Amino acid sequence: MRFYKYQGTGNDFVMIDDRENRFDDQNLALVSQLCDRKFGIGADGLILIRNHTQFDFEMIYFNADGSQSMCGNGARCAVAFAAFLGIIGEKTNFLAIDGEHEARIKEDLVELKMGDVSGVDQVNSDCFVNTGSPHHIRFVEQIEKYPVVAEGRKIRYDQHYAPGGTNVNFIQAMDSDEIFVRTYERGVEDETLSCGTGVTAAALAFAKDEEEAKVKIKTLGGNLSVRFRKKANGSFQDIWLIGPAKQVFAGQIDL
């Protein structure tokens, strides 16, 4: 099987051109095997690009454990991969698990329009935002020293989020328009260098009182930004996740 490896601010993905529908997407053990960093290619997730009658393409996304969700950085990489395959030009409309998305690409920079978000919910002293994937958000100090994996795992498996669990984002404000975000990612069951839906949720939580904002975001894997508008009812729209997406290498693997 021919594959490509892409990364978006350190969030990495196995990419497969599956427009002929040859990949068995019910074989979740195969997905996990391919994502395994010791016995496979190694990645945070696996993405299939498929044809669709109403959109430029369809993105089928799997976490490393075979579970499915929306992935913002994965979607940005999928757009870059679709451009590499010649499926799209500088603009596209494609389908993901949470519905239709619009995106624009210029060289390595991909701007992805996320789905509308109903609001930011309070959870004790923390908050929760669903950006196509669930995200618990906690503001902390000294984020570079914070025990992300230990604390993230506690929240991810907390009874409040049973049975599906949640992703967990830890945020520190760096400036009036900039935050540092670290993420414990459900499905990977570890900290990832970046998480697109996570930094989007973090940006909304950080600037939730603004009518319109652009938030700069620092992650362990690089820099992103999120811009959005807030409606009178407290929901968010015109949410754009912006950052790089790059091909790392290509190869083939015997299944």
Foldseek 3Di string as FASTA:
>chain_A
DKWFWKFFLQQIEIEDACQVVPDDLVPLVVFLQQCDPPRHVHGQWYWYWYDDPPWLTEIFIAGNNSDGWDFQRVVQQVVVVCVVVVSDDQWTWYAYPVGIKIWGDDVFKIKIFFDWWAAWADDPPWIWTCRRFTETEEEDPPVVPDPCLVVQVCQQVDPVDPPRGHKYWYWYDPDLQEIEIWIQDPSSSGTTQDTQSHVLSVNCVSPQVDQWGKHWYHTNSGIKIWIWGADPSSIIGRIMIMGGMDTDGMDDDDD
